[in-house]
mmCIF file of all heavy atoms, coordinates in Angstrom:
data_MODEL
# 
_entry.id   MODEL 
# 
loop_
_atom_site.group_PDB 
_atom_site.id 
_atom_site.type_symbol 
_atom_site.label_atom_id 
_atom_site.label_alt_id 
_atom_site.label_comp_id 
_atom_site.label_asym_id 
_atom_site.label_entity_id 
_atom_site.label_seq_id 
_atom_site.pdbx_PDB_ins_code 
_atom_site.Cartn_x 
_atom_site.Cartn_y 
_atom_site.Cartn_z 
_atom_site.occupancy 
_atom_site.B_iso_or_equiv 
_atom_site.pdbx_formal_charge 
_atom_site.auth_seq_id 
_atom_site.auth_comp_id 
_atom_site.auth_asym_id 
_atom_site.auth_atom_id 
_atom_site.pdbx_PDB_model_num 
ATOM 1   N N   . GLN A 1 1  ? 20.441 -41.772 29.202 1.00 0.00 ? 1  GLN A N   1 
ATOM 2   C CA  . GLN A 1 1  ? 20.628 -40.454 29.760 1.00 0.00 ? 1  GLN A CA  1 
ATOM 3   C C   . GLN A 1 1  ? 21.697 -40.548 30.908 1.00 0.00 ? 1  GLN A C   1 
ATOM 4   O O   . GLN A 1 1  ? 21.477 -41.318 31.881 1.00 0.00 ? 1  GLN A O   1 
ATOM 5   C CB  . GLN A 1 1  ? 19.302 -39.964 30.274 1.00 0.00 ? 1  GLN A CB  1 
ATOM 6   C CG  . GLN A 1 1  ? 19.435 -38.554 30.804 1.00 0.00 ? 1  GLN A CG  1 
ATOM 7   C CD  . GLN A 1 1  ? 18.059 -37.997 31.144 1.00 0.00 ? 1  GLN A CD  1 
ATOM 8   O OE1 . GLN A 1 1  ? 17.003 -38.597 31.295 1.00 0.00 ? 1  GLN A OE1 1 
ATOM 9   N NE2 . GLN A 1 1  ? 18.010 -36.699 31.476 1.00 0.00 ? 1  GLN A NE2 1 
ATOM 10  N N   . LEU A 1 2  ? 22.741 -39.836 30.788 1.00 0.00 ? 2  LEU A N   1 
ATOM 11  C CA  . LEU A 1 2  ? 23.740 -39.769 31.764 1.00 0.00 ? 2  LEU A CA  1 
ATOM 12  C C   . LEU A 1 2  ? 23.679 -38.487 32.595 1.00 0.00 ? 2  LEU A C   1 
ATOM 13  O O   . LEU A 1 2  ? 23.456 -37.474 32.071 1.00 0.00 ? 2  LEU A O   1 
ATOM 14  C CB  . LEU A 1 2  ? 25.174 -39.775 31.093 1.00 0.00 ? 2  LEU A CB  1 
ATOM 15  C CG  . LEU A 1 2  ? 25.459 -41.057 30.279 1.00 0.00 ? 2  LEU A CG  1 
ATOM 16  C CD1 . LEU A 1 2  ? 26.736 -40.835 29.418 1.00 0.00 ? 2  LEU A CD1 1 
ATOM 17  C CD2 . LEU A 1 2  ? 25.582 -42.314 31.137 1.00 0.00 ? 2  LEU A CD2 1 
ATOM 18  N N   . VAL A 1 3  ? 23.673 -38.706 33.892 1.00 0.00 ? 3  VAL A N   1 
ATOM 19  C CA  . VAL A 1 3  ? 23.498 -37.526 34.811 1.00 0.00 ? 3  VAL A CA  1 
ATOM 20  C C   . VAL A 1 3  ? 24.628 -37.541 35.771 1.00 0.00 ? 3  VAL A C   1 
ATOM 21  O O   . VAL A 1 3  ? 24.861 -38.443 36.616 1.00 0.00 ? 3  VAL A O   1 
ATOM 22  C CB  . VAL A 1 3  ? 22.152 -37.648 35.541 1.00 0.00 ? 3  VAL A CB  1 
ATOM 23  C CG1 . VAL A 1 3  ? 21.979 -36.389 36.554 1.00 0.00 ? 3  VAL A CG1 1 
ATOM 24  C CG2 . VAL A 1 3  ? 20.954 -37.684 34.547 1.00 0.00 ? 3  VAL A CG2 1 
ATOM 25  N N   . GLU A 1 4  ? 25.423 -36.434 35.724 1.00 0.00 ? 4  GLU A N   1 
ATOM 26  C CA  . GLU A 1 4  ? 26.583 -36.379 36.575 1.00 0.00 ? 4  GLU A CA  1 
ATOM 27  C C   . GLU A 1 4  ? 26.258 -35.502 37.855 1.00 0.00 ? 4  GLU A C   1 
ATOM 28  O O   . GLU A 1 4  ? 25.400 -34.588 37.676 1.00 0.00 ? 4  GLU A O   1 
ATOM 29  C CB  . GLU A 1 4  ? 27.772 -35.662 35.846 1.00 0.00 ? 4  GLU A CB  1 
ATOM 30  C CG  . GLU A 1 4  ? 28.214 -36.459 34.651 1.00 0.00 ? 4  GLU A CG  1 
ATOM 31  C CD  . GLU A 1 4  ? 27.542 -36.122 33.344 1.00 0.00 ? 4  GLU A CD  1 
ATOM 32  O OE1 . GLU A 1 4  ? 26.645 -35.249 33.422 1.00 0.00 ? 4  GLU A OE1 1 
ATOM 33  O OE2 . GLU A 1 4  ? 28.050 -36.523 32.332 1.00 0.00 ? 4  GLU A OE2 1 
ATOM 34  N N   . SER A 1 5  ? 26.848 -35.761 39.013 1.00 0.00 ? 5  SER A N   1 
ATOM 35  C CA  . SER A 1 5  ? 26.613 -34.963 40.191 1.00 0.00 ? 5  SER A CA  1 
ATOM 36  C C   . SER A 1 5  ? 27.837 -35.049 41.100 1.00 0.00 ? 5  SER A C   1 
ATOM 37  O O   . SER A 1 5  ? 28.637 -35.791 40.811 1.00 0.00 ? 5  SER A O   1 
ATOM 38  C CB  . SER A 1 5  ? 25.347 -35.457 40.797 1.00 0.00 ? 5  SER A CB  1 
ATOM 39  O OG  . SER A 1 5  ? 25.513 -36.746 41.175 1.00 0.00 ? 5  SER A OG  1 
ATOM 40  N N   . GLY A 1 6  ? 27.810 -34.176 42.070 1.00 0.00 ? 6  GLY A N   1 
ATOM 41  C CA  . GLY A 1 6  ? 28.812 -34.248 43.096 1.00 0.00 ? 6  GLY A CA  1 
ATOM 42  C C   . GLY A 1 6  ? 29.918 -33.201 42.973 1.00 0.00 ? 6  GLY A C   1 
ATOM 43  O O   . GLY A 1 6  ? 30.790 -33.126 43.904 1.00 0.00 ? 6  GLY A O   1 
ATOM 44  N N   . GLY A 1 7  ? 29.911 -32.314 42.019 1.00 0.00 ? 7  GLY A N   1 
ATOM 45  C CA  . GLY A 1 7  ? 30.892 -31.372 41.972 1.00 0.00 ? 7  GLY A CA  1 
ATOM 46  C C   . GLY A 1 7  ? 30.561 -30.196 42.955 1.00 0.00 ? 7  GLY A C   1 
ATOM 47  O O   . GLY A 1 7  ? 29.579 -30.178 43.652 1.00 0.00 ? 7  GLY A O   1 
ATOM 48  N N   . GLY A 1 8  ? 31.564 -29.302 43.022 1.00 0.00 ? 8  GLY A N   1 
ATOM 49  C CA  . GLY A 1 8  ? 31.475 -28.142 43.798 1.00 0.00 ? 8  GLY A CA  1 
ATOM 50  C C   . GLY A 1 8  ? 32.749 -27.484 43.949 1.00 0.00 ? 8  GLY A C   1 
ATOM 51  O O   . GLY A 1 8  ? 33.705 -27.667 43.215 1.00 0.00 ? 8  GLY A O   1 
ATOM 52  N N   . LEU A 1 9  ? 32.801 -26.522 44.994 1.00 0.00 ? 9  LEU A N   1 
ATOM 53  C CA  . LEU A 1 9  ? 33.913 -25.703 45.228 1.00 0.00 ? 9  LEU A CA  1 
ATOM 54  C C   . LEU A 1 9  ? 34.708 -26.336 46.360 1.00 0.00 ? 9  LEU A C   1 
ATOM 55  O O   . LEU A 1 9  ? 34.150 -26.603 47.487 1.00 0.00 ? 9  LEU A O   1 
ATOM 56  C CB  . LEU A 1 9  ? 33.579 -24.265 45.714 1.00 0.00 ? 9  LEU A CB  1 
ATOM 57  C CG  . LEU A 1 9  ? 34.612 -23.343 46.135 1.00 0.00 ? 9  LEU A CG  1 
ATOM 58  C CD1 . LEU A 1 9  ? 35.716 -23.056 45.016 1.00 0.00 ? 9  LEU A CD1 1 
ATOM 59  C CD2 . LEU A 1 9  ? 34.142 -22.008 46.619 1.00 0.00 ? 9  LEU A CD2 1 
ATOM 60  N N   . VAL A 1 10 ? 35.995 -26.534 46.171 1.00 0.00 ? 10 VAL A N   1 
ATOM 61  C CA  . VAL A 1 10 ? 36.838 -27.264 47.210 1.00 0.00 ? 10 VAL A CA  1 
ATOM 62  C C   . VAL A 1 10 ? 38.215 -26.510 47.153 1.00 0.00 ? 10 VAL A C   1 
ATOM 63  O O   . VAL A 1 10 ? 38.673 -26.163 46.169 1.00 0.00 ? 10 VAL A O   1 
ATOM 64  C CB  . VAL A 1 10 ? 36.966 -28.763 46.832 1.00 0.00 ? 10 VAL A CB  1 
ATOM 65  C CG1 . VAL A 1 10 ? 37.675 -29.128 45.565 1.00 0.00 ? 10 VAL A CG1 1 
ATOM 66  C CG2 . VAL A 1 10 ? 37.690 -29.547 48.005 1.00 0.00 ? 10 VAL A CG2 1 
ATOM 67  N N   . GLN A 1 11 ? 38.759 -26.518 48.341 1.00 0.00 ? 11 GLN A N   1 
ATOM 68  C CA  . GLN A 1 11 ? 40.193 -25.902 48.497 1.00 0.00 ? 11 GLN A CA  1 
ATOM 69  C C   . GLN A 1 11 ? 41.229 -26.897 48.002 1.00 0.00 ? 11 GLN A C   1 
ATOM 70  O O   . GLN A 1 11 ? 40.979 -28.153 47.922 1.00 0.00 ? 11 GLN A O   1 
ATOM 71  C CB  . GLN A 1 11 ? 40.469 -25.606 49.969 1.00 0.00 ? 11 GLN A CB  1 
ATOM 72  C CG  . GLN A 1 11 ? 39.556 -24.496 50.531 1.00 0.00 ? 11 GLN A CG  1 
ATOM 73  C CD  . GLN A 1 11 ? 39.978 -24.111 51.955 1.00 0.00 ? 11 GLN A CD  1 
ATOM 74  O OE1 . GLN A 1 11 ? 40.621 -24.883 52.621 1.00 0.00 ? 11 GLN A OE1 1 
ATOM 75  N NE2 . GLN A 1 11 ? 39.548 -22.875 52.306 1.00 0.00 ? 11 GLN A NE2 1 
ATOM 76  N N   . PRO A 1 12 ? 42.315 -26.426 47.536 1.00 0.00 ? 12 PRO A N   1 
ATOM 77  C CA  . PRO A 1 12 ? 43.453 -27.278 47.123 1.00 0.00 ? 12 PRO A CA  1 
ATOM 78  C C   . PRO A 1 12 ? 43.764 -28.352 48.280 1.00 0.00 ? 12 PRO A C   1 
ATOM 79  O O   . PRO A 1 12 ? 43.822 -27.947 49.488 1.00 0.00 ? 12 PRO A O   1 
ATOM 80  C CB  . PRO A 1 12 ? 44.658 -26.364 46.916 1.00 0.00 ? 12 PRO A CB  1 
ATOM 81  C CG  . PRO A 1 12 ? 43.882 -25.005 46.480 1.00 0.00 ? 12 PRO A CG  1 
ATOM 82  C CD  . PRO A 1 12 ? 42.634 -24.887 47.333 1.00 0.00 ? 12 PRO A CD  1 
ATOM 83  N N   . GLY A 1 13 ? 44.061 -29.522 47.852 1.00 0.00 ? 13 GLY A N   1 
ATOM 84  C CA  . GLY A 1 13 ? 44.296 -30.676 48.745 1.00 0.00 ? 13 GLY A CA  1 
ATOM 85  C C   . GLY A 1 13 ? 42.992 -31.301 49.164 1.00 0.00 ? 13 GLY A C   1 
ATOM 86  O O   . GLY A 1 13 ? 43.059 -32.342 49.877 1.00 0.00 ? 13 GLY A O   1 
ATOM 87  N N   . GLY A 1 14 ? 41.880 -30.785 48.816 1.00 0.00 ? 14 GLY A N   1 
ATOM 88  C CA  . GLY A 1 14 ? 40.583 -31.419 49.326 1.00 0.00 ? 14 GLY A CA  1 
ATOM 89  C C   . GLY A 1 14 ? 40.105 -32.534 48.434 1.00 0.00 ? 14 GLY A C   1 
ATOM 90  O O   . GLY A 1 14 ? 40.865 -32.909 47.519 1.00 0.00 ? 14 GLY A O   1 
ATOM 91  N N   . SER A 1 15 ? 38.954 -33.019 48.740 1.00 0.00 ? 15 SER A N   1 
ATOM 92  C CA  . SER A 1 15 ? 38.462 -34.272 48.114 1.00 0.00 ? 15 SER A CA  1 
ATOM 93  C C   . SER A 1 15 ? 37.022 -34.031 47.619 1.00 0.00 ? 15 SER A C   1 
ATOM 94  O O   . SER A 1 15 ? 36.224 -33.229 48.200 1.00 0.00 ? 15 SER A O   1 
ATOM 95  C CB  . SER A 1 15 ? 38.497 -35.492 48.958 1.00 0.00 ? 15 SER A CB  1 
ATOM 96  O OG  . SER A 1 15 ? 39.793 -35.835 49.248 1.00 0.00 ? 15 SER A OG  1 
ATOM 97  N N   . LEU A 1 16 ? 36.651 -34.689 46.561 1.00 0.00 ? 16 LEU A N   1 
ATOM 98  C CA  . LEU A 1 16 ? 35.161 -34.794 46.058 1.00 0.00 ? 16 LEU A CA  1 
ATOM 99  C C   . LEU A 1 16 ? 34.961 -36.185 45.544 1.00 0.00 ? 16 LEU A C   1 
ATOM 100 O O   . LEU A 1 16 ? 35.867 -36.770 44.949 1.00 0.00 ? 16 LEU A O   1 
ATOM 101 C CB  . LEU A 1 16 ? 34.967 -33.730 45.055 1.00 0.00 ? 16 LEU A CB  1 
ATOM 102 C CG  . LEU A 1 16 ? 34.787 -32.194 45.426 1.00 0.00 ? 16 LEU A CG  1 
ATOM 103 C CD1 . LEU A 1 16 ? 34.729 -31.398 44.173 1.00 0.00 ? 16 LEU A CD1 1 
ATOM 104 C CD2 . LEU A 1 16 ? 33.506 -32.101 46.235 1.00 0.00 ? 16 LEU A CD2 1 
ATOM 105 N N   . ARG A 1 17 ? 33.730 -36.534 45.566 1.00 0.00 ? 17 ARG A N   1 
ATOM 106 C CA  . ARG A 1 17 ? 33.167 -37.838 44.873 1.00 0.00 ? 17 ARG A CA  1 
ATOM 107 C C   . ARG A 1 17 ? 32.194 -37.542 43.903 1.00 0.00 ? 17 ARG A C   1 
ATOM 108 O O   . ARG A 1 17 ? 31.108 -37.056 44.273 1.00 0.00 ? 17 ARG A O   1 
ATOM 109 C CB  . ARG A 1 17 ? 32.743 -38.784 45.937 1.00 0.00 ? 17 ARG A CB  1 
ATOM 110 C CG  . ARG A 1 17 ? 32.591 -40.173 45.318 1.00 0.00 ? 17 ARG A CG  1 
ATOM 111 C CD  . ARG A 1 17 ? 31.789 -41.041 46.306 1.00 0.00 ? 17 ARG A CD  1 
ATOM 112 N NE  . ARG A 1 17 ? 31.789 -42.463 45.911 1.00 0.00 ? 17 ARG A NE  1 
ATOM 113 C CZ  . ARG A 1 17 ? 30.802 -43.328 46.352 1.00 0.00 ? 17 ARG A CZ  1 
ATOM 114 N NH1 . ARG A 1 17 ? 29.807 -42.879 47.068 1.00 0.00 ? 17 ARG A NH1 1 
ATOM 115 N NH2 . ARG A 1 17 ? 30.926 -44.597 46.022 1.00 0.00 ? 17 ARG A NH2 1 
ATOM 116 N N   . LEU A 1 18 ? 32.488 -37.734 42.595 1.00 0.00 ? 18 LEU A N   1 
ATOM 117 C CA  . LEU A 1 18 ? 31.403 -37.485 41.593 1.00 0.00 ? 18 LEU A CA  1 
ATOM 118 C C   . LEU A 1 18 ? 30.729 -38.843 41.291 1.00 0.00 ? 18 LEU A C   1 
ATOM 119 O O   . LEU A 1 18 ? 31.157 -39.943 41.539 1.00 0.00 ? 18 LEU A O   1 
ATOM 120 C CB  . LEU A 1 18 ? 32.194 -37.113 40.285 1.00 0.00 ? 18 LEU A CB  1 
ATOM 121 C CG  . LEU A 1 18 ? 33.153 -35.969 40.427 1.00 0.00 ? 18 LEU A CG  1 
ATOM 122 C CD1 . LEU A 1 18 ? 33.688 -35.506 39.083 1.00 0.00 ? 18 LEU A CD1 1 
ATOM 123 C CD2 . LEU A 1 18 ? 32.482 -34.683 40.991 1.00 0.00 ? 18 LEU A CD2 1 
ATOM 124 N N   . SER A 1 19 ? 29.471 -38.646 40.941 1.00 0.00 ? 19 SER A N   1 
ATOM 125 C CA  . SER A 1 19 ? 28.650 -39.863 40.490 1.00 0.00 ? 19 SER A CA  1 
ATOM 126 C C   . SER A 1 19 ? 28.092 -39.631 39.083 1.00 0.00 ? 19 SER A C   1 
ATOM 127 O O   . SER A 1 19 ? 27.880 -38.520 38.750 1.00 0.00 ? 19 SER A O   1 
ATOM 128 C CB  . SER A 1 19 ? 27.502 -39.988 41.465 1.00 0.00 ? 19 SER A CB  1 
ATOM 129 O OG  . SER A 1 19 ? 27.894 -40.227 42.820 1.00 0.00 ? 19 SER A OG  1 
ATOM 130 N N   . CYS A 1 20 ? 27.951 -40.726 38.435 1.00 0.00 ? 20 CYS A N   1 
ATOM 131 C CA  . CYS A 1 20 ? 27.267 -40.714 37.157 1.00 0.00 ? 20 CYS A CA  1 
ATOM 132 C C   . CYS A 1 20 ? 26.239 -41.825 36.990 1.00 0.00 ? 20 CYS A C   1 
ATOM 133 O O   . CYS A 1 20 ? 26.500 -42.993 37.049 1.00 0.00 ? 20 CYS A O   1 
ATOM 134 C CB  . CYS A 1 20 ? 28.301 -41.006 36.115 1.00 0.00 ? 20 CYS A CB  1 
ATOM 135 S SG  . CYS A 1 20 ? 27.720 -41.312 34.425 1.00 0.00 ? 20 CYS A SG  1 
ATOM 136 N N   . ALA A 1 21 ? 24.983 -41.274 36.999 1.00 0.00 ? 21 ALA A N   1 
ATOM 137 C CA  . ALA A 1 21 ? 23.911 -42.281 36.948 1.00 0.00 ? 21 ALA A CA  1 
ATOM 138 C C   . ALA A 1 21 ? 23.507 -42.557 35.462 1.00 0.00 ? 21 ALA A C   1 
ATOM 139 O O   . ALA A 1 21 ? 23.628 -41.607 34.659 1.00 0.00 ? 21 ALA A O   1 
ATOM 140 C CB  . ALA A 1 21 ? 22.668 -41.603 37.662 1.00 0.00 ? 21 ALA A CB  1 
ATOM 141 N N   . GLY A 1 22 ? 23.095 -43.747 35.180 1.00 0.00 ? 22 GLY A N   1 
ATOM 142 C CA  . GLY A 1 22 ? 22.648 -44.183 33.926 1.00 0.00 ? 22 GLY A CA  1 
ATOM 143 C C   . GLY A 1 22 ? 23.726 -44.852 33.145 1.00 0.00 ? 22 GLY A C   1 
ATOM 144 O O   . GLY A 1 22 ? 23.616 -44.938 31.892 1.00 0.00 ? 22 GLY A O   1 
ATOM 145 N N   . SER A 1 23 ? 24.764 -45.276 33.758 1.00 0.00 ? 23 SER A N   1 
ATOM 146 C CA  . SER A 1 23 ? 25.931 -45.838 33.062 1.00 0.00 ? 23 SER A CA  1 
ATOM 147 C C   . SER A 1 23 ? 25.700 -47.189 32.396 1.00 0.00 ? 23 SER A C   1 
ATOM 148 O O   . SER A 1 23 ? 26.328 -47.550 31.475 1.00 0.00 ? 23 SER A O   1 
ATOM 149 C CB  . SER A 1 23 ? 27.133 -45.934 34.022 1.00 0.00 ? 23 SER A CB  1 
ATOM 150 O OG  . SER A 1 23 ? 26.855 -46.794 35.054 1.00 0.00 ? 23 SER A OG  1 
ATOM 151 N N   . GLY A 1 24 ? 24.674 -47.932 32.875 1.00 0.00 ? 24 GLY A N   1 
ATOM 152 C CA  . GLY A 1 24 ? 24.504 -49.273 32.402 1.00 0.00 ? 24 GLY A CA  1 
ATOM 153 C C   . GLY A 1 24 ? 25.748 -50.212 32.767 1.00 0.00 ? 24 GLY A C   1 
ATOM 154 O O   . GLY A 1 24 ? 26.650 -49.882 33.619 1.00 0.00 ? 24 GLY A O   1 
ATOM 155 N N   . SER A 1 25 ? 25.828 -51.450 32.229 1.00 0.00 ? 25 SER A N   1 
ATOM 156 C CA  . SER A 1 25 ? 26.781 -52.305 32.538 1.00 0.00 ? 25 SER A CA  1 
ATOM 157 C C   . SER A 1 25 ? 27.549 -53.062 31.459 1.00 0.00 ? 25 SER A C   1 
ATOM 158 O O   . SER A 1 25 ? 28.419 -53.882 31.635 1.00 0.00 ? 25 SER A O   1 
ATOM 159 C CB  . SER A 1 25 ? 26.298 -53.491 33.530 1.00 0.00 ? 25 SER A CB  1 
ATOM 160 O OG  . SER A 1 25 ? 25.265 -54.159 32.738 1.00 0.00 ? 25 SER A OG  1 
# 
């Protein structure tokens, strides 16, 4: 099960960090 998070609304030039849980190795 892959669960993505960290998105949102950001202004141009801004930053975000996304995470994906369940990736395995």
